[in-house]
Amino acid sequence: MSKPVRGSLRRHRFTGPAVSLSAAVALAVALSACCGDGPPEKAYTVPASLCGITVEPALIEAVLPGGDSLTTATVKPNGGTVRCNLSVDGKEALSLAQAWWGGTGTARRG
């Protein structure tokens, strides 16, 4: 006895529109990305030390947005952490943190 094909045809009927919708969304995203003027230029330079934390400027610059000015704010939430919040044109763009523990503790196996 053969199985009815009716159920599989219904599922197939919705696959075409779903694929078409996915293709349309992907095309719209691609067109909006290539039609822009590109990312804004960076008129600031990233120093080798931010809030006392030594950094590789090229790595930090790669993730920061374009803009005119870069400002930093140091936050020390506890005795062993220094957090540096970077803002580009007044908007927070990145937060770096350095954490360490003093020489008072010892490492041991549990």
C-alpha atoms as a PDB file:
ATOM      1  CA  MET A   1       0.000   0.000   0.000  1.00  0.00           C
ATOM      2  CA  SER A   2       1.446   3.412  -0.905  1.00  0.00           C
ATOM      3  CA  LYS A   3       1.667   6.312   1.537  1.00  0.00           C
ATOM      4  CA  PRO A   4      -0.246   9.500   0.800  1.00  0.00           C
ATOM      5  CA  VAL A   5       1.955  12.249  -0.623  1.00  0.00           C
ATOM      6  CA  ARG A   6      -0.308  15.002   0.530  1.00  0.00           C
ATOM      7  CA  GLY A   7       1.609  15.894   3.738  1.00  0.00           C
ATOM      8  CA  SER A   8       4.984  16.223   1.994  1.00  0.00           C
ATOM      9  CA  LEU A   9       3.507  18.439  -0.722  1.00  0.00           C
ATOM     10  CA  ARG A  10       2.219  20.875   1.874  1.00  0.00           C
ATOM     11  CA  ARG A  11       5.657  21.202   3.460  1.00  0.00           C
ATOM     12  CA  HIS A  12       7.230  21.695   0.042  1.00  0.00           C
ATOM     13  CA  ARG A  13       4.741  24.419  -0.840  1.00  0.00           C
ATOM     14  CA  PHE A  14       6.088  26.648   1.993  1.00  0.00           C
ATOM     15  CA  THR A  15       9.761  26.009   1.248  1.00  0.00           C
ATOM     16  CA  GLY A  16       9.766  28.120  -1.943  1.00  0.00           C
ATOM     17  CA  PRO A  17       8.483  31.336  -0.316  1.00  0.00           C
ATOM     18  CA  ALA A  18      10.795  30.874   2.690  1.00  0.00           C
ATOM     19  CA  VAL A  19      13.836  30.538   0.418  1.00  0.00           C
ATOM     20  CA  SER A  20      12.712  33.545  -1.630  1.00  0.00           C
ATOM     21  CA  LEU A  21      12.261  35.646   1.520  1.00  0.00           C
ATOM     22  CA  SER A  22      15.708  34.626   2.812  1.00  0.00           C
ATOM     23  CA  ALA A  23      17.288  35.531  -0.528  1.00  0.00           C
ATOM     24  CA  ALA A  24      15.530  38.914  -0.558  1.00  0.00           C
ATOM     25  CA  VAL A  25      16.737  39.731   2.963  1.00  0.00           C
ATOM     26  CA  ALA A  26      20.308  38.709   2.113  1.00  0.00           C
ATOM     27  CA  LEU A  27      20.223  40.842  -1.046  1.00  0.00           C
ATOM     28  CA  ALA A  28      18.876  43.866   0.851  1.00  0.00           C
ATOM     29  CA  VAL A  29      21.617  43.568   3.481  1.00  0.00           C
ATOM     30  CA  ALA A  30      24.312  43.266   0.815  1.00  0.00           C
ATOM     31  CA  LEU A  31      23.005  46.275  -1.111  1.00  0.00           C
ATOM     32  CA  SER A  32      22.730  48.459   1.981  1.00  0.00           C
ATOM     33  CA  ALA A  33      26.299  47.569   2.948  1.00  0.00           C
ATOM     34  CA  CYS A  34      27.789  48.428  -0.435  1.00  0.00           C
ATOM     35  CA  CYS A  35      25.708  51.528  -1.123  1.00  0.00           C
ATOM     36  CA  GLY A  36      26.964  53.463   1.923  1.00  0.00           C
ATOM     37  CA  ASP A  37      29.869  55.861   1.856  1.00  0.00           C
ATOM     38  CA  GLY A  38      31.894  53.471   4.006  1.00  0.00           C
ATOM     39  CA  PRO A  39      32.769  53.788   7.644  1.00  0.00           C
ATOM     40  CA  PRO A  40      33.564  57.259   8.961  1.00  0.00           C
ATOM     41  CA  GLU A  41      37.248  58.081   9.162  1.00  0.00           C
ATOM     42  CA  LYS A  42      39.138  58.150  12.435  1.00  0.00           C
ATOM     43  CA  ALA A  43      40.503  61.627  13.119  1.00  0.00           C
ATOM     44  CA  TYR A  44      42.024  60.454  16.420  1.00  0.00           C
ATOM     45  CA  THR A  45      45.023  58.257  17.224  1.00  0.00           C
ATOM     46  CA  VAL A  46      45.091  55.494  19.800  1.00  0.00           C
ATOM     47  CA  PRO A  47      47.977  55.904  22.275  1.00  0.00           C
ATOM     48  CA  ALA A  48      50.159  52.972  23.433  1.00  0.00           C
ATOM     49  CA  SER A  49      48.809  53.330  26.981  1.00  0.00           C
ATOM     50  CA  LEU A  50      45.172  53.779  27.925  1.00  0.00           C
ATOM     51  CA  CYS A  51      44.399  54.555  31.580  1.00  0.00           C
ATOM     52  CA  GLY A  52      47.785  53.110  32.516  1.00  0.00           C
ATOM     53  CA  ILE A  53      47.129  49.851  30.632  1.00  0.00           C
ATOM     54  CA  THR A  54      49.701  49.123  27.909  1.00  0.00           C
ATOM     55  CA  VAL A  55      47.967  48.230  24.640  1.00  0.00           C
ATOM     56  CA  GLU A  56      48.851  47.531  21.029  1.00  0.00           C
ATOM     57  CA  PRO A  57      47.302  50.597  19.319  1.00  0.00           C
ATOM     58  CA  ALA A  58      46.644  48.812  16.004  1.00  0.00           C
ATOM     59  CA  LEU A  59      44.537  46.135  17.729  1.00  0.00           C
ATOM     60  CA  ILE A  60      42.456  48.663  19.624  1.00  0.00           C
ATOM     61  CA  GLU A  61      42.015  50.944  16.603  1.00  0.00           C
ATOM     62  CA  ALA A  62      40.682  48.014  14.561  1.00  0.00           C
ATOM     63  CA  VAL A  63      37.588  47.711  16.776  1.00  0.00           C
ATOM     64  CA  LEU A  64      36.874  51.389  17.404  1.00  0.00           C
ATOM     65  CA  PRO A  65      34.419  53.330  15.239  1.00  0.00           C
ATOM     66  CA  GLY A  66      35.319  56.387  13.219  1.00  0.00           C
ATOM     67  CA  GLY A  67      35.025  59.799  14.763  1.00  0.00           C
ATOM     68  CA  ASP A  68      36.784  62.996  15.757  1.00  0.00           C
ATOM     69  CA  SER A  69      37.905  62.433  19.338  1.00  0.00           C
ATOM     70  CA  LEU A  70      38.832  59.589  21.662  1.00  0.00           C
ATOM     71  CA  THR A  71      38.464  60.040  25.420  1.00  0.00           C
ATOM     72  CA  THR A  72      39.160  57.662  28.296  1.00  0.00           C
ATOM     73  CA  ALA A  73      37.797  57.265  31.804  1.00  0.00           C
ATOM     74  CA  THR A  74      39.482  55.128  34.478  1.00  0.00           C
ATOM     75  CA  VAL A  75      37.316  53.061  36.821  1.00  0.00           C
ATOM     76  CA  LYS A  76      38.746  51.015  39.713  1.00  0.00           C
ATOM     77  CA  PRO A  77      35.879  48.822  40.949  1.00  0.00           C
ATOM     78  CA  ASN A  78      38.094  46.975  43.449  1.00  0.00           C
ATOM     79  CA  GLY A  79      41.717  46.776  44.601  1.00  0.00           C
ATOM     80  CA  GLY A  80      42.915  44.521  41.786  1.00  0.00           C
ATOM     81  CA  THR A  81      41.112  45.767  38.692  1.00  0.00           C
ATOM     82  CA  VAL A  82      41.568  48.802  36.470  1.00  0.00           C
ATOM     83  CA  ARG A  83      38.899  49.360  33.833  1.00  0.00           C
ATOM     84  CA  CYS A  84      39.379  51.843  31.020  1.00  0.00           C
ATOM     85  CA  ASN A  85      36.245  53.001  29.217  1.00  0.00           C
ATOM     86  CA  LEU A  86      36.901  54.462  25.770  1.00  0.00           C
ATOM     87  CA  SER A  87      34.462  56.869  24.174  1.00  0.00           C
ATOM     88  CA  VAL A  88      34.465  58.139  20.599  1.00  0.00           C
ATOM     89  CA  ASP A  89      32.745  61.490  20.166  1.00  0.00           C
ATOM     90  CA  GLY A  90      31.112  61.120  23.582  1.00  0.00           C
ATOM     91  CA  LYS A  91      29.663  57.615  23.003  1.00  0.00           C
ATOM     92  CA  GLU A  92      31.138  54.681  24.910  1.00  0.00           C
ATOM     93  CA  ALA A  93      32.742  52.389  22.354  1.00  0.00           C
ATOM     94  CA  LEU A  94      34.992  49.947  24.245  1.00  0.00           C
ATOM     95  CA  SER A  95      35.929  48.921  27.765  1.00  0.00           C
ATOM     96  CA  LEU A  96      39.330  47.427  28.570  1.00  0.00           C
ATOM     97  CA  ALA A  97      40.146  45.796  31.885  1.00  0.00           C
ATOM     98  CA  GLN A  98      43.273  44.626  33.632  1.00  0.00           C
ATOM     99  CA  ALA A  99      42.932  42.467  36.724  1.00  0.00           C
ATOM    100  CA  TRP A 100      45.589  41.095  39.034  1.00  0.00           C
ATOM    101  CA  TRP A 101      45.892  39.646  42.485  1.00  0.00           C
ATOM    102  CA  GLY A 102      48.525  40.628  45.020  1.00  0.00           C
ATOM    103  CA  GLY A 103      51.312  38.359  46.226  1.00  0.00           C
ATOM    104  CA  THR A 104      49.432  37.393  49.403  1.00  0.00           C
ATOM    105  CA  GLY A 105      47.785  34.249  48.087  1.00  0.00           C
ATOM    106  CA  THR A 106      49.289  30.929  47.070  1.00  0.00           C
ATOM    107  CA  ALA A 107      48.351  28.514  44.348  1.00  0.00           C
ATOM    108  CA  ARG A 108      47.525  24.981  45.396  1.00  0.00           C
ATOM    109  CA  ARG A 109      45.875  21.899  44.021  1.00  0.00           C
ATOM    110  CA  GLY A 110      42.398  21.150  45.209  1.00  0.00           C
END
